[in-house]
Protein backbone atom coordinates (compact mmCIF):
# COMPACT_ATOMS: atom_id res chain seq x y z
CA MET A 1 94.34 127.20 94.03
CA ARG A 2 95.91 123.78 94.65
CA MET A 3 95.70 121.08 91.99
CA ARG A 4 93.77 118.00 93.09
CA PRO A 5 94.25 114.58 91.47
CA LEU A 6 91.28 112.54 90.40
CA SER A 7 91.08 109.16 92.09
CA VAL A 8 88.27 106.76 91.26
CA ILE A 9 87.66 103.29 92.62
CA CYS A 10 84.99 101.26 90.89
CA ALA A 11 83.85 97.91 92.27
CA ALA A 12 80.73 95.83 92.63
CA MET A 13 80.32 96.87 96.25
CA PHE A 14 79.17 100.33 95.14
CA LEU A 15 75.41 100.56 94.76
CA ASN A 16 75.71 102.82 91.72
CA SER A 17 77.91 100.37 89.83
CA PRO A 18 75.55 98.12 87.81
CA ILE A 19 76.35 94.50 87.05
CA THR A 20 76.06 93.62 83.37
CA ILE A 21 75.29 90.05 82.31
CA VAL A 22 77.00 88.95 79.10
CA GLY A 23 75.80 85.60 77.88
CA ALA A 24 77.15 83.41 75.08
CA SER A 25 73.80 83.49 73.31
CA GLY A 26 71.91 86.16 75.25
CA PRO A 27 70.99 86.90 78.86
CA ASP A 28 69.23 83.51 79.35
CA LEU A 29 72.48 81.64 79.98
CA PRO A 30 72.21 79.69 83.32
CA GLU A 31 73.63 81.58 86.29
CA ALA A 32 75.97 78.69 87.15
CA ALA A 33 77.64 79.11 83.75
CA LEU A 34 78.59 82.73 84.52
CA ALA A 35 81.27 84.34 86.70
CA PRO A 36 81.85 88.01 87.55
CA VAL A 37 84.75 90.06 86.23
CA THR A 38 85.38 93.19 88.31
CA VAL A 39 87.63 96.16 87.61
CA GLU A 40 88.86 98.67 90.19
CA ILE A 41 90.41 101.92 88.98
CA THR A 42 92.81 104.20 90.82
CA GLY A 43 93.66 107.41 88.99
CA ALA A 44 92.26 109.11 85.92
CA GLY A 45 91.24 106.72 83.15
CA THR A 46 88.73 104.18 81.84
CA ILE A 47 88.66 100.42 81.26
CA ILE A 48 86.65 98.84 78.40
CA SER A 49 86.16 95.09 77.90
CA GLU A 50 85.91 92.95 74.79
CA PRO A 51 83.39 91.35 74.57
CA PRO A 52 81.50 94.41 75.82
CA GLY A 53 80.18 94.51 79.36
CA ILE A 54 82.67 96.56 81.35
CA ALA A 55 82.92 100.31 80.80
CA CYS A 56 84.47 101.56 84.03
CA PRO A 57 83.85 104.06 85.61
CA GLY A 58 80.16 103.35 85.31
CA SER A 59 79.86 99.63 84.78
CA CYS A 60 82.78 98.04 86.62
CA THR A 61 81.47 94.47 87.03
CA ALA A 62 80.05 92.17 84.37
CA MET A 63 79.04 88.49 84.29
CA PHE A 64 80.78 86.50 81.53
CA PRO A 65 80.53 82.83 80.55
CA ARG A 66 83.02 80.61 82.35
CA GLY A 67 85.91 79.62 80.11
CA ARG A 68 85.64 82.84 78.13
CA ARG A 69 88.67 85.10 77.68
CA VAL A 70 87.95 88.78 78.25
CA THR A 71 90.29 91.52 77.05
CA LEU A 72 90.54 94.66 79.19
CA THR A 73 91.82 97.83 77.54
CA ALA A 74 92.95 100.91 79.48
CA ALA A 75 92.61 104.49 78.24
CA PRO A 76 94.09 107.30 80.40
CA GLU A 77 92.54 110.75 80.54
CA SER A 78 94.20 113.51 78.59
CA GLY A 79 97.46 114.47 80.26
CA GLY A 80 97.66 111.24 82.28
CA SER A 81 99.15 107.82 81.58
CA PHE A 82 98.41 104.17 82.27
CA LEU A 83 100.74 102.63 84.87
CA THR A 84 99.92 98.96 85.47
CA TYR A 85 97.38 96.23 86.11
CA THR A 86 97.49 94.06 89.24
CA GLY A 87 95.35 91.20 90.41
CA ASP A 88 93.95 88.55 88.08
CA CYS A 89 95.10 90.49 85.03
CA ALA A 90 98.62 91.87 85.54
CA GLY A 91 101.09 93.80 83.44
CA THR A 92 102.08 97.23 82.21
CA GLN A 93 100.58 96.97 78.71
CA PRO A 94 97.29 98.86 78.18
CA SER A 95 95.52 95.65 77.15
CA CYS A 96 95.52 92.40 79.06
CA GLU A 97 93.47 89.21 78.99
CA VAL A 98 91.71 87.53 81.89
CA LEU A 99 90.36 83.95 81.78
CA VAL A 100 86.89 83.71 83.32
CA ASN A 101 86.72 80.63 85.54
CA ASN A 102 85.67 82.06 88.89
CA SER A 103 85.24 85.56 90.26
CA THR A 104 88.14 87.78 89.15
CA VAL A 105 89.25 91.25 90.25
CA THR A 106 91.68 93.38 88.26
CA LYS A 107 93.06 96.68 89.55
CA ALA A 108 94.12 99.34 87.05
CA PHE A 109 96.38 102.22 88.05
CA PHE A 110 96.64 105.50 86.15
CA SER A 111 98.76 108.53 86.85
CA THR A 112 96.49 111.30 88.02
CA SER A 113 95.98 114.34 85.85
CA PRO A 114 94.93 117.72 87.23
CA THR A 115 91.25 118.51 87.07
CA GLU A 116 91.82 122.18 87.80
CA VAL A 117 94.32 124.66 86.48
CA PRO A 118 96.10 126.58 89.22
CA ASP A 119 95.49 130.28 89.40
CA PRO A 120 98.43 132.24 88.03
CA ILE A 121 100.38 134.42 90.43
CA PRO A 122 99.29 138.01 89.84
CA ASP A 123 101.98 140.21 88.31
CA ASN A 124 101.83 142.53 91.30
CA GLU A 125 102.22 139.76 93.92
CA PRO A 126 105.88 139.25 94.87
CA PRO A 127 107.30 135.76 95.49
CA ASP A 128 108.10 134.56 98.99
CA PRO A 129 111.19 136.26 100.39
CA ILE A 130 114.47 134.36 100.29
CA PRO A 131 115.42 133.25 103.83
CA GLN A 132 118.17 135.37 105.31
CA LEU A 133 121.35 134.15 106.98
CA GLY A 134 120.80 133.10 110.55
CA THR A 135 117.30 131.69 109.97
CA ALA A 136 118.35 128.15 108.96
CA ALA A 137 117.50 125.10 111.06
CA PRO A 138 120.71 123.97 112.81
CA VAL A 139 122.01 120.48 112.03
CA PRO A 140 123.43 118.60 115.04
CA GLN A 141 126.85 117.00 115.04
CA THR A 142 126.97 113.24 114.55
CA GLY A 143 129.11 112.80 117.66
CA GLN A 144 131.98 111.25 115.70
CA GLU A 145 135.39 112.51 116.84
CA ALA A 146 137.75 109.90 115.38
CA CYS A 147 138.82 109.14 111.79
CA PHE A 148 139.27 105.74 110.16
CA GLY A 149 141.01 104.08 107.24
CA SER A 150 139.69 101.53 104.75
CA ALA A 151 141.41 98.38 106.03
CA THR A 152 139.20 95.31 106.41
CA GLY A 153 139.38 92.57 109.01
CA VAL A 154 140.85 94.78 111.71
CA SER A 155 139.45 96.35 114.86
CA TRP A 156 138.29 99.94 114.85
CA GLN A 157 141.26 100.86 117.04
CA GLU A 158 143.67 99.40 114.46
CA ASN A 159 141.82 101.19 111.66
CA GLN A 160 141.96 104.59 113.36
CA ILE A 161 144.03 107.25 111.57
CA ASP A 162 145.13 110.82 112.14
CA CYS A 163 142.24 113.15 111.33
CA ALA A 164 144.43 116.03 110.12
CA GLY A 165 143.56 116.96 106.53
CA SER A 166 141.33 113.92 106.01
CA GLY A 167 138.07 115.82 105.51
CA GLN A 168 136.26 113.06 107.39
CA ASP A 169 133.35 113.69 109.72
CA GLY A 170 135.58 113.18 112.75
CA ALA A 171 137.94 115.89 111.50
CA VAL A 172 135.35 118.52 110.52
CA GLN A 173 132.76 117.79 113.23
CA ALA A 174 130.30 120.03 111.43
CA GLY A 175 127.03 121.00 113.08
CA VAL A 176 125.75 122.05 116.46
CA PRO A 177 127.56 120.35 119.36
CA SER A 178 125.56 118.41 121.92
CA PRO A 179 125.04 120.03 125.32
CA ASN A 180 126.50 118.54 128.47
CA PRO A 181 124.58 116.79 129.86
CA ARG A 182 122.89 115.62 126.69
CA PHE A 183 119.91 114.10 128.52
CA THR A 184 118.02 114.87 131.72
CA ASP A 185 116.11 112.19 133.60
CA GLN A 186 113.00 114.08 134.73
CA GLY A 187 112.12 111.48 137.37
CA ASN A 188 108.63 110.83 135.98
CA GLY A 189 109.30 108.13 133.41
CA THR A 190 110.53 110.62 130.80
CA ILE A 191 113.92 111.73 129.48
CA ARG A 192 114.45 115.24 128.09
CA ASP A 193 116.87 115.59 125.20
CA ASN A 194 118.65 118.86 125.92
CA LEU A 195 119.73 119.12 122.26
CA THR A 196 116.32 118.91 120.57
CA GLU A 197 114.08 119.50 123.63
CA LEU A 198 112.08 116.42 122.67
CA VAL A 199 110.81 114.29 125.56
CA TRP A 200 111.28 110.52 125.20
CA LEU A 201 109.81 107.64 127.14
CA LYS A 202 112.52 106.41 129.50
CA ASP A 203 111.58 102.75 128.93
CA ALA A 204 112.72 102.08 125.36
CA ASP A 205 110.95 98.72 125.23
CA CYS A 206 107.67 99.10 127.11
CA PHE A 207 105.53 97.63 124.32
CA GLY A 208 107.75 94.86 122.94
CA THR A 209 107.59 94.08 119.23
CA GLN A 210 104.58 95.36 117.28
CA ASN A 211 103.43 95.86 113.72
CA TRP A 212 103.35 99.45 112.46
CA SER A 213 99.64 100.07 112.98
CA ASN A 214 99.78 98.86 116.58
CA GLY A 215 102.88 100.98 117.14
CA LEU A 216 101.04 104.11 116.07
CA THR A 217 98.00 103.28 118.21
CA LEU A 218 100.03 102.44 121.31
CA SER A 219 102.05 105.65 120.96
CA ASN A 220 98.98 107.82 120.38
CA ASN A 221 97.24 106.41 123.46
CA LEU A 222 100.21 106.43 125.83
CA ALA A 223 99.44 108.38 129.02
CA ASP A 224 100.26 108.85 132.68
CA GLY A 225 100.05 105.56 134.61
CA THR A 226 101.45 103.45 131.76
CA CYS A 227 105.08 102.43 131.09
CA GLY A 228 106.24 104.01 134.35
CA LEU A 229 104.87 107.46 133.52
CA THR A 230 103.89 109.90 136.28
CA ASP A 231 104.13 113.00 134.07
CA GLY A 232 100.43 113.82 133.85
CA SER A 233 100.39 113.18 130.10
CA GLN A 234 97.13 112.35 128.35
CA PRO A 235 96.28 110.25 125.27
CA GLY A 236 97.29 112.28 122.25
CA ASP A 237 100.35 113.85 123.90
CA TRP A 238 102.68 111.08 122.70
CA ARG A 239 103.40 109.90 119.17
CA LEU A 240 105.61 107.54 117.19
CA PRO A 241 108.70 109.59 116.20
CA ASN A 242 109.39 110.43 112.58
CA ILE A 243 112.64 109.30 110.97
CA LYS A 244 114.51 112.56 111.63
CA GLU A 245 113.37 112.73 115.25
CA PHE A 246 114.61 109.20 115.87
CA LEU A 247 117.93 109.73 114.12
CA SER A 248 118.55 112.78 116.32
CA LEU A 249 119.10 110.37 119.24
CA LEU A 250 122.02 108.55 117.67
CA SER A 251 125.74 109.06 118.13
CA TYR A 252 128.24 107.76 115.59
CA GLN A 253 131.36 108.00 117.73
CA ALA A 254 133.43 104.84 118.21
CA PRO A 255 132.44 103.12 121.47
CA ASP A 256 134.44 103.17 124.63
CA PRO A 257 136.97 100.27 124.42
CA ASN A 258 136.06 99.32 127.98
CA LEU A 259 132.53 98.50 126.78
CA MET A 260 133.55 96.28 123.88
CA ALA A 261 132.61 93.13 125.81
CA THR A 262 129.00 94.29 126.01
CA GLN A 263 126.40 94.88 123.32
CA ILE A 264 126.84 98.33 121.82
CA VAL A 265 124.13 100.56 120.43
CA VAL A 266 124.57 103.89 118.65
CA LEU A 267 123.23 105.97 121.52
CA PRO A 268 125.40 108.50 123.36
CA GLU A 269 127.51 106.87 126.08
CA ALA A 270 126.03 106.93 129.59
CA HIS A 271 122.55 107.61 128.22
CA PRO A 272 119.80 107.32 130.87
CA PHE A 273 117.32 105.15 128.92
CA SER A 274 116.29 101.72 130.15
CA ASN A 275 115.96 98.61 127.98
CA ALA A 276 117.75 100.25 125.03
CA ASP A 277 121.16 98.54 125.21
CA ASN A 278 120.38 95.68 122.85
CA ALA A 279 122.27 95.83 119.58
CA GLY A 280 119.50 93.85 117.89
CA ASN A 281 116.80 96.39 118.71
CA GLN A 282 114.98 97.82 115.71
CA TYR A 283 112.46 100.63 116.06
CA TRP A 284 109.53 101.85 113.98
CA THR A 285 109.24 105.43 112.85
CA SER A 286 106.02 107.12 111.74
CA THR A 287 107.53 107.87 108.31
CA SER A 288 106.24 105.83 105.35
CA LEU A 289 108.14 105.19 102.14
CA ALA A 290 106.34 107.64 99.85
CA ARG A 291 106.80 105.84 96.54
CA ASP A 292 104.33 104.29 94.08
CA PHE A 293 103.38 100.75 95.16
CA SER A 294 105.82 100.93 98.12
CA SER A 295 103.90 103.00 100.68
CA HIS A 296 103.09 99.77 102.55
CA ASN A 297 106.64 100.09 103.97
CA ALA A 298 107.81 102.33 106.80
CA TYR A 299 111.30 103.37 107.91
CA VAL A 300 112.91 101.43 110.75
CA VAL A 301 116.08 102.36 112.69
CA PHE A 302 118.49 99.56 113.69
CA LEU A 303 120.24 100.56 116.91
CA GLY A 304 123.09 98.10 116.46
CA GLN A 305 124.73 100.20 113.74
CA GLY A 306 122.43 103.16 113.21
CA GLU A 307 121.14 101.77 109.92
CA VAL A 308 117.87 102.87 108.35
CA LEU A 309 115.81 99.96 107.03
CA LEU A 310 112.46 99.52 105.28
CA TYR A 311 109.95 97.00 106.62
CA GLY A 312 106.41 96.04 105.66
CA LYS A 313 103.94 97.73 107.98
CA GLY A 314 101.85 94.62 108.56
CA SER A 315 104.42 91.84 108.26
CA TYR A 316 107.31 92.93 110.51
CA TYR A 317 107.49 93.57 114.23
CA PRO A 318 110.14 96.04 115.39
CA ARG A 319 109.88 97.89 118.71
CA VAL A 320 108.10 101.11 119.63
CA TRP A 321 109.71 104.12 121.36
CA PRO A 322 107.28 107.04 121.78
CA VAL A 323 108.22 110.71 121.94
CA ARG A 324 106.37 113.94 122.76
CA ASP A 325 106.94 117.67 122.61
CA PRO A 326 107.90 119.49 125.82
CA LYS A 327 105.10 121.03 127.86
């Protein structure tokens, strides 16, 4: 049985969260002299106020006299821990003080503690078998064939060294080699990657710059008749690629010297994509940064150098390059 964390959000918008009125000399204090203090909880714990009024979960909003200082104290459930306050009362200490002037909202975050104990594995149930040789997922080569020194301020040609015995990527060239041809233009607005069998939109810049949410929506709804597609695809066939899918496109070999006058991107030479040869292009992936308080960021790939960046989902506007599985 899988463990499930307890997550509770308490706010005045919930009908079952009563509002307590705390007056300086009783409940007859004029309404204009009061202001609400609201607590929202994420995780497993409780918040109590002094003076009394808030006991959340349960009573998560209380009216206090303006000018009054209210102390909020956090208590995690057994096995959990208090993480932080944000909002009008901020900090990592279990107690913090909020000054009541106008409406205030404080968010309290607790680490979640299990509410159920997982069932033990029966003694007679064997563990999963260890994967055998030959069943591993193959890792593709990076495409790098040259080796380089550490000199600064010189061209890549001047920095190139003999690969023998260096142990560099260009010497070992570990992984599965790319097929030749690497890509096939299918003549219907799509490009098939013969290495991964993924199908990419030929136009690498059909949608321009978008925030992350729009990028997901545009990719999910892409279909035949849009962006040069005549492949019969329907909404739901396409998606925003994840970080590993996107990185599978890139090649880290030094560029052809004959192309040095043009903008270079880390895509295989002579690739068939349109509108991709802009070294400043940055592309969203569908992969979020899965960290506490950082999941508002998603991974972005910078085609100029093959860098992986982190951008705010709602505040930055990279490009969108959809992909789909082969039919």
